[in-house]
Amino acid sequence: MYYSLTFGGSKNTWTNWKLIAKAPPMVTQPEPKKNMVEIPGRTSGPIDLSSAVFGHLTYPRITGSWEFVCKETSLTTRFDTYEAVRKWLHGRTTTVATEDDPDHYFKGLFTVGEPKSKENAVEITIKYDLEPVRYNKDGTEDTNWRNR
């Protein structure tokens, strides 16, 4: 089974580009931001002020990357595939949905790393910088995804 991602609701890493994920692509939950303050004389430890301003926890953006392999028959075709991915995705802010969870998506900025030529293949890395929010298909925020 080839695990894939769909960008912008229209470009799929397997269907459109025949990219094979080196591992199932996942988006991990962000760790809550913390702002710990020591209060002199307080014996039970520091206080977390991170939710004081907004009334709820806040989260940093989610960053990471996914690695894919392109095993097209010719070197020219492999680099043409890389160029197609780069031209469509590099520096673009759009959505991404995983094959394992097509009812949800994330929004963010995507970049494409330099291709790495391997024997009979080219490795392509797609980097992401995502909002710390998972959206339902209808565009509403999925409040069950992370703890509030």
C-alpha atoms as a PDB file:
ATOM      1  CA  MET A   1       0.000   0.000   0.000  1.00  0.00           C
ATOM      2  CA  TYR A   2       1.278   3.469  -0.905  1.00  0.00           C
ATOM      3  CA  TYR A   3       0.500   6.108   1.697  1.00  0.00           C
ATOM      4  CA  SER A   4      -0.251   9.465   0.196  1.00  0.00           C
ATOM      5  CA  LEU A   5      -1.033  13.090   0.942  1.00  0.00           C
ATOM      6  CA  THR A   6      -3.485  15.344  -0.861  1.00  0.00           C
ATOM      7  CA  PHE A   7      -2.540  19.016  -1.174  1.00  0.00           C
ATOM      8  CA  GLY A   8      -5.101  21.722  -1.828  1.00  0.00           C
ATOM      9  CA  GLY A   9      -7.780  19.088  -2.324  1.00  0.00           C
ATOM     10  CA  SER A  10      -6.462  18.289  -5.804  1.00  0.00           C
ATOM     11  CA  LYS A  11      -2.846  17.080  -5.946  1.00  0.00           C
ATOM     12  CA  ASN A  12      -2.106  13.641  -4.522  1.00  0.00           C
ATOM     13  CA  THR A  13       1.448  12.452  -3.961  1.00  0.00           C
ATOM     14  CA  TRP A  14       0.689   8.990  -5.395  1.00  0.00           C
ATOM     15  CA  THR A  15      -2.050   9.626  -7.971  1.00  0.00           C
ATOM     16  CA  ASN A  16      -0.481  12.718  -9.545  1.00  0.00           C
ATOM     17  CA  TRP A  17       3.251  12.220  -9.003  1.00  0.00           C
ATOM     18  CA  LYS A  18       3.733   8.489  -8.200  1.00  0.00           C
ATOM     19  CA  LEU A  19       5.676   9.366  -5.048  1.00  0.00           C
ATOM     20  CA  ILE A  20       6.139   6.557  -2.550  1.00  0.00           C
ATOM     21  CA  ALA A  21       6.252   7.620   1.110  1.00  0.00           C
ATOM     22  CA  LYS A  22       9.258   6.223   2.973  1.00  0.00           C
ATOM     23  CA  ALA A  23       7.018   6.021   6.081  1.00  0.00           C
ATOM     24  CA  PRO A  24       3.295   6.652   6.582  1.00  0.00           C
ATOM     25  CA  PRO A  25       2.964  10.478   6.566  1.00  0.00           C
ATOM     26  CA  MET A  26       1.629  11.771   9.861  1.00  0.00           C
ATOM     27  CA  VAL A  27       1.105  15.110  11.578  1.00  0.00           C
ATOM     28  CA  THR A  28       1.880  15.011  15.279  1.00  0.00           C
ATOM     29  CA  GLN A  29       0.040  16.975  17.926  1.00  0.00           C
ATOM     30  CA  PRO A  30       1.885  20.091  19.080  1.00  0.00           C
ATOM     31  CA  GLU A  31       3.075  20.382  22.658  1.00  0.00           C
ATOM     32  CA  PRO A  32       1.306  23.143  24.632  1.00  0.00           C
ATOM     33  CA  LYS A  33       3.268  26.344  25.107  1.00  0.00           C
ATOM     34  CA  LYS A  34       4.297  26.864  28.708  1.00  0.00           C
ATOM     35  CA  ASN A  35       5.254  30.009  30.576  1.00  0.00           C
ATOM     36  CA  MET A  36       6.380  28.856  33.983  1.00  0.00           C
ATOM     37  CA  VAL A  37       6.940  31.526  36.653  1.00  0.00           C
ATOM     38  CA  GLU A  38       8.548  30.983  40.038  1.00  0.00           C
ATOM     39  CA  ILE A  39       6.793  32.851  42.833  1.00  0.00           C
ATOM     40  CA  PRO A  40       8.955  33.517  45.908  1.00  0.00           C
ATOM     41  CA  GLY A  41       7.532  31.796  48.957  1.00  0.00           C
ATOM     42  CA  ARG A  42       5.309  29.441  46.921  1.00  0.00           C
ATOM     43  CA  THR A  43       6.082  25.897  48.063  1.00  0.00           C
ATOM     44  CA  SER A  44       4.132  23.921  45.457  1.00  0.00           C
ATOM     45  CA  GLY A  45       6.349  24.944  42.513  1.00  0.00           C
ATOM     46  CA  PRO A  46       6.055  27.375  39.626  1.00  0.00           C
ATOM     47  CA  ILE A  47       2.772  28.589  38.118  1.00  0.00           C
ATOM     48  CA  ASP A  48       2.016  28.114  34.418  1.00  0.00           C
ATOM     49  CA  LEU A  49       0.833  31.470  33.028  1.00  0.00           C
ATOM     50  CA  SER A  50       0.454  30.245  29.433  1.00  0.00           C
ATOM     51  CA  SER A  51      -3.346  30.251  29.501  1.00  0.00           C
ATOM     52  CA  ALA A  52      -3.721  33.463  31.540  1.00  0.00           C
ATOM     53  CA  VAL A  53      -4.041  35.780  28.516  1.00  0.00           C
ATOM     54  CA  PHE A  54      -6.320  33.695  26.262  1.00  0.00           C
ATOM     55  CA  GLY A  55      -8.129  31.591  28.850  1.00  0.00           C
ATOM     56  CA  HIS A  56      -6.942  28.340  27.219  1.00  0.00           C
ATOM     57  CA  LEU A  57      -3.712  26.644  26.245  1.00  0.00           C
ATOM     58  CA  THR A  58      -1.874  27.904  23.195  1.00  0.00           C
ATOM     59  CA  TYR A  59       0.235  25.835  20.825  1.00  0.00           C
ATOM     60  CA  PRO A  60       3.197  26.483  18.544  1.00  0.00           C
ATOM     61  CA  ARG A  61       3.090  25.787  14.824  1.00  0.00           C
ATOM     62  CA  ILE A  62       3.764  22.201  13.781  1.00  0.00           C
ATOM     63  CA  THR A  63       6.932  21.728  11.748  1.00  0.00           C
ATOM     64  CA  GLY A  64       8.481  18.682  10.179  1.00  0.00           C
ATOM     65  CA  SER A  65       8.931  16.880   6.902  1.00  0.00           C
ATOM     66  CA  TRP A  66       7.865  13.865   4.894  1.00  0.00           C
ATOM     67  CA  GLU A  67      10.205  11.871   2.678  1.00  0.00           C
ATOM     68  CA  PHE A  68       9.154  10.344  -0.618  1.00  0.00           C
ATOM     69  CA  VAL A  69      10.837   8.249  -3.283  1.00  0.00           C
ATOM     70  CA  CYS A  70      10.246   8.606  -7.013  1.00  0.00           C
ATOM     71  CA  LYS A  71      11.133   5.400  -8.885  1.00  0.00           C
ATOM     72  CA  GLU A  72      10.268   6.428 -12.446  1.00  0.00           C
ATOM     73  CA  THR A  73      12.084   4.513 -15.172  1.00  0.00           C
ATOM     74  CA  SER A  74      14.398   7.256 -16.449  1.00  0.00           C
ATOM     75  CA  LEU A  75      16.483   9.853 -14.675  1.00  0.00           C
ATOM     76  CA  THR A  76      14.882  12.580 -16.817  1.00  0.00           C
ATOM     77  CA  THR A  77      11.384  11.474 -15.787  1.00  0.00           C
ATOM     78  CA  ARG A  78      12.395  11.368 -12.110  1.00  0.00           C
ATOM     79  CA  PHE A  79      13.706  14.946 -12.208  1.00  0.00           C
ATOM     80  CA  ASP A  80      10.668  16.063 -14.235  1.00  0.00           C
ATOM     81  CA  THR A  81       8.542  14.678 -11.394  1.00  0.00           C
ATOM     82  CA  TYR A  82      10.638  16.566  -8.851  1.00  0.00           C
ATOM     83  CA  GLU A  83      10.208  19.788 -10.858  1.00  0.00           C
ATOM     84  CA  ALA A  84       6.433  19.248 -11.082  1.00  0.00           C
ATOM     85  CA  VAL A  85       6.198  18.816  -7.287  1.00  0.00           C
ATOM     86  CA  ARG A  86       8.469  21.791  -6.642  1.00  0.00           C
ATOM     87  CA  LYS A  87       6.644  24.112  -9.044  1.00  0.00           C
ATOM     88  CA  TRP A  88       3.243  23.205  -7.628  1.00  0.00           C
ATOM     89  CA  LEU A  89       4.065  23.097  -3.911  1.00  0.00           C
ATOM     90  CA  HIS A  90       7.272  24.984  -3.005  1.00  0.00           C
ATOM     91  CA  GLY A  91       6.515  28.152  -1.030  1.00  0.00           C
ATOM     92  CA  ARG A  92       2.779  27.576  -1.255  1.00  0.00           C
ATOM     93  CA  THR A  93       0.299  27.973   1.584  1.00  0.00           C
ATOM     94  CA  THR A  94      -2.434  25.382   1.157  1.00  0.00           C
ATOM     95  CA  THR A  95      -4.102  22.431   2.856  1.00  0.00           C
ATOM     96  CA  VAL A  96      -2.964  18.848   3.315  1.00  0.00           C
ATOM     97  CA  ALA A  97      -4.924  15.706   4.160  1.00  0.00           C
ATOM     98  CA  THR A  98      -3.479  12.275   4.856  1.00  0.00           C
ATOM     99  CA  GLU A  99      -4.793   9.147   3.178  1.00  0.00           C
ATOM    100  CA  ASP A 100      -5.429   7.634   6.620  1.00  0.00           C
ATOM    101  CA  ASP A 101      -7.598  10.584   7.730  1.00  0.00           C
ATOM    102  CA  PRO A 102      -9.328  12.092   4.670  1.00  0.00           C
ATOM    103  CA  ASP A 103     -12.114  13.667   6.789  1.00  0.00           C
ATOM    104  CA  HIS A 104      -9.655  16.193   8.275  1.00  0.00           C
ATOM    105  CA  TYR A 105      -6.991  18.530   6.963  1.00  0.00           C
ATOM    106  CA  PHE A 106      -4.307  20.965   8.064  1.00  0.00           C
ATOM    107  CA  LYS A 107      -3.358  24.381   6.684  1.00  0.00           C
ATOM    108  CA  GLY A 108       0.175  25.580   6.294  1.00  0.00           C
ATOM    109  CA  LEU A 109       3.225  26.504   4.271  1.00  0.00           C
ATOM    110  CA  PHE A 110       5.079  23.850   2.291  1.00  0.00           C
ATOM    111  CA  THR A 111       8.573  23.762   0.840  1.00  0.00           C
ATOM    112  CA  VAL A 112      10.335  21.149  -1.252  1.00  0.00           C
ATOM    113  CA  GLY A 113      13.943  20.234  -0.480  1.00  0.00           C
ATOM    114  CA  GLU A 114      16.664  19.553  -3.026  1.00  0.00           C
ATOM    115  CA  PRO A 115      16.318  16.146  -4.718  1.00  0.00           C
ATOM    116  CA  LYS A 116      18.674  13.364  -3.632  1.00  0.00           C
ATOM    117  CA  SER A 117      19.590  11.012  -6.425  1.00  0.00           C
ATOM    118  CA  LYS A 118      19.827   7.378  -5.393  1.00  0.00           C
ATOM    119  CA  GLU A 119      20.305   4.284  -7.529  1.00  0.00           C
ATOM    120  CA  ASN A 120      17.216   4.092  -9.788  1.00  0.00           C
ATOM    121  CA  ALA A 121      15.332   6.641  -7.663  1.00  0.00           C
ATOM    122  CA  VAL A 122      15.154  10.237  -6.493  1.00  0.00           C
ATOM    123  CA  GLU A 123      14.298  11.117  -2.890  1.00  0.00           C
ATOM    124  CA  ILE A 124      12.100  14.180  -2.397  1.00  0.00           C
ATOM    125  CA  THR A 125      11.534  15.854   0.973  1.00  0.00           C
ATOM    126  CA  ILE A 126       8.433  17.960   1.556  1.00  0.00           C
ATOM    127  CA  LYS A 127       8.747  20.244   4.586  1.00  0.00           C
ATOM    128  CA  TYR A 128       5.755  21.698   6.403  1.00  0.00           C
ATOM    129  CA  ASP A 129       4.982  24.552   8.789  1.00  0.00           C
ATOM    130  CA  LEU A 130       1.361  24.012   9.841  1.00  0.00           C
ATOM    131  CA  GLU A 131      -1.169  25.840  11.966  1.00  0.00           C
ATOM    132  CA  PRO A 132      -1.631  23.932  15.256  1.00  0.00           C
ATOM    133  CA  VAL A 133      -5.235  23.168  14.248  1.00  0.00           C
ATOM    134  CA  ARG A 134      -6.834  20.156  12.585  1.00  0.00           C
ATOM    135  CA  TYR A 135      -9.908  21.066  10.533  1.00  0.00           C
ATOM    136  CA  ASN A 136     -12.981  18.979   9.761  1.00  0.00           C
ATOM    137  CA  LYS A 137     -13.940  18.568   6.111  1.00  0.00           C
ATOM    138  CA  ASP A 138     -16.568  21.323   6.510  1.00  0.00           C
ATOM    139  CA  GLY A 139     -13.888  23.849   7.602  1.00  0.00           C
ATOM    140  CA  THR A 140     -14.690  23.851  11.318  1.00  0.00           C
ATOM    141  CA  GLU A 141     -11.971  23.275  13.886  1.00  0.00           C
ATOM    142  CA  ASP A 142     -11.719  19.721  15.241  1.00  0.00           C
ATOM    143  CA  THR A 143     -11.735  20.460  18.973  1.00  0.00           C
ATOM    144  CA  ASN A 144     -11.218  16.785  19.891  1.00  0.00           C
ATOM    145  CA  TRP A 145      -7.822  16.567  18.212  1.00  0.00           C
ATOM    146  CA  ARG A 146      -5.800  17.994  21.077  1.00  0.00           C
ATOM    147  CA  ASN A 147      -6.524  18.731  24.700  1.00  0.00           C
ATOM    148  CA  ARG A 148      -7.786  22.214  25.488  1.00  0.00           C
END
